[in-house]
Protein backbone atom coordinates (compact mmCIF):
# COMPACT_ATOMS: atom_id res chain seq x y z
CA MET A 1 12.62 34.47 12.00
CA THR A 2 10.56 31.37 12.84
CA SER A 3 12.24 28.32 14.37
CA ARG A 4 11.62 24.75 13.31
CA ASP A 5 9.93 23.95 16.61
CA HIS A 6 7.68 27.02 16.55
CA ALA A 7 6.68 26.36 12.94
CA MET A 8 5.88 22.74 13.76
CA ARG A 9 3.84 23.55 16.86
CA MET A 10 1.84 26.29 15.17
CA LEU A 11 1.15 24.19 12.10
CA GLY A 12 0.11 21.27 14.29
CA TRP A 13 -2.27 23.54 16.22
CA ARG A 14 -3.90 24.84 13.03
CA LEU A 15 -4.30 21.35 11.60
CA LYS A 16 -5.83 20.19 14.89
CA GLN A 17 -8.28 23.10 14.89
CA ALA A 18 -9.33 22.04 11.39
CA GLY A 19 -10.16 18.56 12.71
CA LEU A 20 -7.46 16.60 10.90
CA PRO A 21 -6.80 13.20 12.46
CA THR A 22 -2.99 13.30 13.00
CA PRO A 23 -2.09 17.00 13.17
CA GLU A 24 1.17 16.80 15.15
CA LEU A 25 2.57 14.00 13.00
CA ASP A 26 1.57 15.77 9.78
CA ALA A 27 3.17 19.00 10.99
CA ARG A 28 6.46 17.32 11.86
CA ILE A 29 6.67 15.52 8.53
CA LEU A 30 5.90 18.67 6.55
CA VAL A 31 8.40 20.82 8.48
CA GLN A 32 11.05 18.17 7.98
CA ALA A 33 10.22 18.04 4.29
CA VAL A 34 10.74 21.77 3.73
CA THR A 35 13.82 22.06 5.94
CA GLY A 36 15.50 18.75 5.19
CA ALA A 37 16.01 18.22 8.93
CA THR A 38 16.42 14.67 10.21
CA ASP A 39 14.57 13.29 13.24
CA ILE A 40 17.68 13.82 15.37
CA GLU A 41 18.15 17.38 14.12
CA MET A 42 14.53 18.20 14.98
CA ILE A 43 15.23 17.10 18.57
CA ARG A 44 18.73 18.55 18.96
CA GLU A 45 18.16 21.83 17.14
CA PRO A 46 14.54 22.90 17.75
CA ALA A 47 15.49 26.60 17.67
CA ALA A 48 17.15 26.37 14.26
CA PRO A 49 15.56 29.03 12.02
CA ILE A 50 13.71 28.27 8.82
CA SER A 51 14.26 30.51 5.83
CA ALA A 52 11.69 32.68 4.11
CA ALA A 53 11.65 30.26 1.18
CA GLU A 54 11.02 27.34 3.55
CA GLU A 55 8.22 29.27 5.27
CA GLU A 56 6.61 29.91 1.90
CA ALA A 57 6.88 26.24 0.93
CA LEU A 58 5.42 25.20 4.28
CA ALA A 59 2.49 27.58 3.82
CA GLY A 60 1.77 25.94 0.49
CA PHE A 61 1.87 22.50 2.08
CA GLU A 62 -0.47 23.71 4.81
CA ARG A 63 -3.05 24.94 2.31
CA ARG A 64 -3.00 21.58 0.56
CA ARG A 65 -3.30 19.62 3.81
CA LEU A 66 -6.18 21.78 5.00
CA ALA A 67 -7.87 20.93 1.70
CA ARG A 68 -7.56 17.26 2.86
CA GLU A 69 -4.81 16.27 0.47
CA PRO A 70 -2.85 13.47 2.18
CA VAL A 71 0.71 14.20 3.28
CA SER A 72 1.97 11.42 1.02
CA ARG A 73 0.34 13.07 -2.00
CA ILE A 74 1.79 16.45 -1.04
CA LEU A 75 5.29 14.98 -0.82
CA GLY A 76 4.86 12.40 -3.59
CA ALA A 77 6.17 9.59 -1.40
CA ARG A 78 5.08 7.20 1.31
CA GLU A 79 7.08 4.95 3.62
CA PHE A 80 6.06 1.29 3.73
CA TRP A 81 7.94 -1.39 5.68
CA GLY A 82 10.75 1.14 6.14
CA LEU A 83 11.14 1.68 2.38
CA ALA A 84 10.28 4.86 0.47
CA PHE A 85 7.79 4.52 -2.39
CA ALA A 86 6.81 7.19 -4.87
CA VAL A 87 3.04 7.70 -5.10
CA THR A 88 0.99 9.51 -7.72
CA SER A 89 -2.67 10.08 -8.52
CA ALA A 90 -2.57 6.76 -10.41
CA THR A 91 -1.67 4.67 -7.35
CA LEU A 92 -3.26 3.66 -4.09
CA ASP A 93 -1.53 5.17 -1.08
CA PRO A 94 0.32 2.33 0.73
CA ARG A 95 -0.99 1.94 4.27
CA PRO A 96 0.39 0.32 7.43
CA ASP A 97 -2.48 -2.20 7.51
CA SER A 98 -1.07 -3.78 4.36
CA GLU A 99 2.16 -4.64 6.16
CA THR A 100 0.14 -7.51 7.67
CA LEU A 101 0.26 -9.11 4.20
CA ILE A 102 4.05 -8.85 4.17
CA GLU A 103 4.34 -10.56 7.55
CA ALA A 104 1.99 -13.35 6.48
CA SER A 105 3.76 -13.82 3.15
CA LEU A 106 7.25 -14.01 4.65
CA LYS A 107 6.08 -16.76 7.00
CA CYS A 108 4.66 -18.72 4.08
CA LEU A 109 7.77 -18.23 1.95
CA ALA A 110 10.24 -19.23 4.67
CA PRO A 111 10.61 -22.89 3.56
CA LEU A 112 10.90 -22.07 -0.15
CA ALA A 113 14.08 -21.33 -2.09
CA ARG A 114 14.00 -18.91 -5.04
CA PRO A 115 10.23 -18.36 -4.90
CA ARG A 116 8.30 -16.80 -7.76
CA LEU A 117 5.86 -14.09 -6.72
CA LEU A 118 2.81 -12.54 -8.36
CA ASP A 119 1.37 -9.22 -7.18
CA LEU A 120 -2.12 -8.48 -8.52
CA GLY A 121 -3.19 -4.84 -8.73
CA THR A 122 0.38 -3.85 -7.94
CA GLY A 123 -0.07 -0.06 -7.87
CA THR A 124 3.15 1.38 -6.45
CA GLY A 125 4.63 -2.12 -6.39
CA CYS A 126 5.02 -1.87 -2.62
CA LEU A 127 3.93 -5.45 -1.85
CA LEU A 128 6.07 -7.17 -4.46
CA LEU A 129 9.09 -4.92 -3.98
CA THR A 130 9.03 -5.22 -0.19
CA LEU A 131 9.00 -9.00 -0.47
CA LEU A 132 11.86 -8.91 -2.97
CA HIS A 133 13.77 -6.64 -0.62
CA GLU A 134 13.28 -9.14 2.21
CA ARG A 135 13.97 -12.18 0.03
CA PRO A 136 17.01 -11.59 -2.22
CA ASP A 137 16.51 -15.01 -3.81
CA ALA A 138 12.96 -14.22 -4.98
CA SER A 139 11.70 -12.77 -8.25
CA GLY A 140 8.28 -11.79 -9.45
CA ILE A 141 5.74 -10.03 -11.60
CA GLY A 142 3.44 -7.15 -10.75
CA VAL A 143 0.23 -6.80 -12.76
CA ASP A 144 -2.00 -3.75 -13.00
CA ILE A 145 -4.67 -2.57 -15.39
CA SER A 146 -3.29 0.97 -15.19
CA GLU A 147 -0.22 1.72 -17.30
CA GLU A 148 0.32 4.91 -15.27
CA ALA A 149 0.51 2.87 -12.07
CA LEU A 150 2.88 0.39 -13.70
CA GLN A 151 5.26 3.20 -14.58
CA VAL A 152 5.32 4.29 -10.94
CA ALA A 153 6.05 0.69 -9.88
CA ARG A 154 8.90 0.44 -12.40
CA GLU A 155 10.40 3.66 -11.09
CA ASN A 156 10.13 2.40 -7.52
CA SER A 157 11.80 -0.89 -8.43
CA ALA A 158 14.69 0.95 -10.07
CA ARG A 159 15.09 3.34 -7.13
CA LEU A 160 15.20 0.41 -4.70
CA GLY A 161 17.68 -1.55 -6.82
CA LEU A 162 15.21 -4.35 -7.49
CA ALA A 163 14.52 -3.93 -11.21
CA ALA A 164 16.52 -7.02 -12.17
CA ARG A 165 14.14 -9.26 -10.21
CA ALA A 166 10.83 -7.49 -10.82
CA ARG A 167 8.77 -7.19 -13.98
CA PHE A 168 5.65 -5.06 -14.25
CA GLN A 169 3.11 -5.68 -16.96
CA PRO A 170 -0.44 -4.64 -17.86
CA GLY A 171 -3.20 -7.13 -17.35
CA ASN A 172 -6.65 -7.90 -16.01
CA TRP A 173 -5.89 -9.93 -12.92
CA MET A 174 -4.38 -13.28 -13.98
CA GLU A 175 -5.30 -13.41 -17.65
CA GLY A 176 -2.60 -14.68 -19.99
CA LEU A 177 0.25 -15.08 -17.49
CA GLY A 178 1.25 -18.56 -18.68
CA GLU A 179 3.18 -19.63 -15.57
CA LYS A 180 2.65 -20.62 -11.96
CA PHE A 181 3.79 -18.87 -8.82
CA ASP A 182 4.70 -19.83 -5.27
CA LEU A 183 2.94 -16.78 -3.85
CA VAL A 184 0.07 -14.70 -5.15
CA ILE A 185 -0.41 -11.50 -3.18
CA SER A 186 -3.00 -8.79 -3.64
CA ASN A 187 -4.55 -5.75 -2.02
CA PRO A 188 -7.56 -5.67 -4.33
CA PRO A 189 -10.28 -3.03 -4.55
CA TYR A 190 -12.76 -3.96 -1.82
CA ILE A 191 -14.94 -0.94 -1.16
CA ALA A 192 -18.59 -1.36 -2.20
CA SER A 193 -19.38 1.09 -5.00
CA GLY A 194 -22.07 2.84 -3.00
CA GLU A 195 -19.77 3.44 -0.03
CA ILE A 196 -16.99 5.30 -1.82
CA GLU A 197 -18.60 8.71 -1.52
CA VAL A 198 -18.73 8.45 2.29
CA LEU A 199 -15.03 7.63 2.68
CA GLU A 200 -12.65 10.16 4.20
CA PRO A 201 -11.79 13.02 1.79
CA GLU A 202 -8.14 11.90 1.77
CA VAL A 203 -9.27 8.57 0.29
CA ARG A 204 -12.21 9.36 -1.98
CA GLY A 205 -10.58 12.48 -3.38
CA HIS A 206 -7.06 11.18 -3.94
CA ASP A 207 -6.91 7.37 -4.24
CA PRO A 208 -7.85 6.23 -7.76
CA ARG A 209 -11.39 4.88 -7.88
CA LEU A 210 -10.10 1.91 -9.89
CA ALA A 211 -8.11 0.85 -6.81
CA LEU A 212 -11.06 1.29 -4.45
CA ASP A 213 -14.21 0.10 -6.22
CA GLY A 214 -14.91 -3.56 -5.54
CA GLY A 215 -18.32 -3.61 -7.19
CA ALA A 216 -21.78 -3.58 -5.68
CA ASP A 217 -20.82 -5.62 -2.62
CA GLY A 218 -17.08 -4.93 -2.63
CA LEU A 219 -16.25 -8.56 -3.41
CA ASP A 220 -15.85 -8.68 -7.21
CA ALA A 221 -12.05 -8.84 -7.15
CA TYR A 222 -12.02 -11.71 -4.66
CA ARG A 223 -14.30 -13.74 -6.93
CA ALA A 224 -11.98 -13.16 -9.89
CA ILE A 225 -8.85 -14.05 -7.93
CA ALA A 226 -10.29 -17.16 -6.27
CA ALA A 227 -11.62 -18.53 -9.55
CA ALA A 228 -8.27 -18.19 -11.33
CA LEU A 229 -5.93 -19.40 -8.57
CA PRO A 230 -5.69 -22.99 -9.87
CA ASP A 231 -4.24 -21.61 -13.11
CA VAL A 232 -1.42 -19.61 -11.51
CA LEU A 233 -0.62 -21.16 -8.11
CA THR A 234 1.82 -24.02 -7.62
CA GLN A 235 0.54 -27.00 -5.68
CA GLU A 236 2.54 -25.92 -2.63
CA GLY A 237 1.92 -22.21 -3.16
CA VAL A 238 -0.26 -19.80 -1.22
CA ALA A 239 -2.35 -16.73 -1.90
CA VAL A 240 -2.38 -13.81 0.54
CA VAL A 241 -5.09 -11.20 0.04
CA GLU A 242 -6.00 -8.11 2.00
CA LEU A 243 -9.46 -7.90 3.55
CA GLY A 244 -11.65 -4.92 4.25
CA ALA A 245 -13.15 -4.57 7.71
CA GLY A 246 -15.96 -7.08 8.20
CA GLN A 247 -15.23 -9.04 5.03
CA ALA A 248 -13.42 -12.07 6.44
CA ASP A 249 -16.37 -14.47 6.47
CA ALA A 250 -17.62 -13.47 3.02
CA VAL A 251 -14.18 -13.75 1.42
CA ARG A 252 -13.51 -17.06 3.14
CA GLY A 253 -16.75 -18.32 1.63
CA ILE A 254 -15.74 -17.15 -1.84
CA PHE A 255 -12.39 -18.92 -1.71
CA GLU A 256 -13.82 -22.12 -0.27
CA ALA A 257 -16.60 -22.16 -2.89
CA ALA A 258 -13.88 -21.92 -5.56
CA GLY A 259 -12.25 -25.05 -4.14
CA CYS A 260 -9.47 -23.34 -2.19
CA ALA A 261 -8.48 -24.12 1.39
CA VAL A 262 -8.35 -21.11 3.70
CA LEU A 263 -5.35 -21.73 5.96
CA ARG A 264 -5.79 -18.77 8.29
CA VAL A 265 -6.80 -15.13 8.60
CA ASP A 266 -4.25 -12.85 10.28
CA PRO A 267 -5.26 -9.65 12.11
CA ASP A 268 -3.59 -6.28 11.71
CA LEU A 269 -2.19 -4.31 14.66
CA SER A 270 -5.69 -3.06 15.48
CA GLY A 271 -7.03 -6.61 15.69
CA VAL A 272 -9.01 -6.36 12.45
CA PRO A 273 -8.89 -9.53 10.30
CA ARG A 274 -6.69 -8.28 7.46
CA ALA A 275 -4.76 -10.99 5.62
CA LEU A 276 -6.45 -14.13 4.33
CA VAL A 277 -4.06 -16.97 3.46
CA ALA A 278 -5.39 -19.59 1.05
CA ALA A 279 -4.02 -22.52 -0.90
CA LEU A 280 -5.08 -25.18 -3.33
CA PRO A 281 -6.33 -28.43 -1.73
CA ARG A 282 -3.35 -30.53 -0.68
CA ALA A 283 -3.16 -34.02 -2.14
């Protein structure tokens, strides 16, 4: 009978031979998923056997990963900011880079009591729900054009115990909201249409195109958001938007042309400019 450690090492080797980018990590996560073993149990009990049923389940996971299906899609969940979020084919896969937006937003919200938040293109709801988790006095709205994505966000909010402070509604960016917010946050689609087909298979084959396609130059969503900010942002509020690699100058120009003040651009852990923070002109 195969042990946990042997199964993990062999799976990691096969994934590495196939050229996958994080084979050892993927193998550990998948073995833990089929066995239910915790991190500590994987260390303390490496020789613990896995059952025939677990071996069969792991083989199925391996086939899917070798076909370049992301681990999060295989398991139907992704961790973000230490919280577990359900993901489906209707939602963008939350990524660590986006945690830069959370850090920037929490700094901006620090002086404000009971802030109102707006998350545009909410997807799984990970941005809004993480901020609500960190700020128990906050409440907010998540908007998405996809009803399927909104249902995932609602389920995530209920699972995290945040449904009383979060509302998710269909919409095209900021149309028809009828109120103003202290923070507008968004990870908009920012891939140029012509570049989608050259993305990694895990992205182009599994993230919804609606959440990727930013138009011919990748900047359409930024234009829409910048133009509508005066209608939805309080005078002391801020907008925090995620940037694609190499887009900082172009997006800064879009927001400044729309009359917004760009306060700063924060880098992610790799040093890539990732979170642009903007506001309305101060009186």
